[in-house]
Amino acid sequence: MKNWFSLALAVSLVLTVSACNTVKGVGRDIESVGEAMEEAAD
């Protein structure tokens, strides 16, 4: 039972870290699109 809990904890940690990186990536993409639109407008 202890091994199962450790495995579940490790999987949860990995998923949390990858989700955080995904959200960061989306934020960067949106920011770069906004900057490109500003430059195109000038």
C-alpha atoms as a PDB file:
ATOM      1  CA  MET A   1       0.000   0.000   0.000  1.00  0.00           C
ATOM      2  CA  LYS A   2       2.866   2.374   0.765  1.00  0.00           C
ATOM      3  CA  ASN A   3       4.403   1.824  -2.680  1.00  0.00           C
ATOM      4  CA  TRP A   4       1.080   2.593  -4.378  1.00  0.00           C
ATOM      5  CA  PHE A   5       0.797   5.876  -2.478  1.00  0.00           C
ATOM      6  CA  SER A   6       4.354   6.859  -3.436  1.00  0.00           C
ATOM      7  CA  LEU A   7       3.656   6.080  -7.086  1.00  0.00           C
ATOM      8  CA  ALA A   8       0.426   8.095  -7.053  1.00  0.00           C
ATOM      9  CA  LEU A   9       2.232  11.020  -5.436  1.00  0.00           C
ATOM     10  CA  ALA A  10       5.021  10.926  -8.031  1.00  0.00           C
ATOM     11  CA  VAL A  11       2.550  10.795 -10.938  1.00  0.00           C
ATOM     12  CA  SER A  12       0.573  13.712  -9.484  1.00  0.00           C
ATOM     13  CA  LEU A  13       3.738  15.761  -9.113  1.00  0.00           C
ATOM     14  CA  VAL A  14       4.788  15.107 -12.725  1.00  0.00           C
ATOM     15  CA  LEU A  15       1.343  16.044 -14.048  1.00  0.00           C
ATOM     16  CA  THR A  16       1.291  19.227 -11.983  1.00  0.00           C
ATOM     17  CA  VAL A  17       4.702  20.332 -13.221  1.00  0.00           C
ATOM     18  CA  SER A  18       3.855  19.637 -16.867  1.00  0.00           C
ATOM     19  CA  ALA A  19       0.527  21.465 -16.570  1.00  0.00           C
ATOM     20  CA  CYS A  20       2.325  24.472 -15.114  1.00  0.00           C
ATOM     21  CA  ASN A  21       4.786  24.505 -18.010  1.00  0.00           C
ATOM     22  CA  THR A  22       1.916  24.217 -20.490  1.00  0.00           C
ATOM     23  CA  VAL A  23       0.152  27.241 -19.001  1.00  0.00           C
ATOM     24  CA  LYS A  24       3.407  29.204 -19.133  1.00  0.00           C
ATOM     25  CA  GLY A  25       3.844  28.269 -22.785  1.00  0.00           C
ATOM     26  CA  VAL A  26       0.332  29.394 -23.669  1.00  0.00           C
ATOM     27  CA  GLY A  27       0.961  32.704 -21.907  1.00  0.00           C
ATOM     28  CA  ARG A  28       4.140  33.244 -23.913  1.00  0.00           C
ATOM     29  CA  ASP A  29       2.340  32.402 -27.169  1.00  0.00           C
ATOM     30  CA  ILE A  30      -0.449  34.877 -26.435  1.00  0.00           C
ATOM     31  CA  GLU A  31       2.097  37.526 -25.517  1.00  0.00           C
ATOM     32  CA  SER A  32       4.051  37.034 -28.753  1.00  0.00           C
ATOM     33  CA  VAL A  33       0.846  37.245 -30.824  1.00  0.00           C
ATOM     34  CA  GLY A  34      -0.050  40.511 -29.074  1.00  0.00           C
ATOM     35  CA  GLU A  35       3.391  41.949 -29.757  1.00  0.00           C
ATOM     36  CA  ALA A  36       3.205  40.926 -33.422  1.00  0.00           C
ATOM     37  CA  MET A  37      -0.193  42.608 -33.750  1.00  0.00           C
ATOM     38  CA  GLU A  38       1.183  45.809 -32.194  1.00  0.00           C
ATOM     39  CA  GLU A  39       4.117  45.849 -34.618  1.00  0.00           C
ATOM     40  CA  ALA A  40       1.803  45.205 -37.570  1.00  0.00           C
ATOM     41  CA  ALA A  41      -0.425  48.100 -36.514  1.00  0.00           C
ATOM     42  CA  ASP A  42       2.524  50.528 -36.448  1.00  0.00           C
END
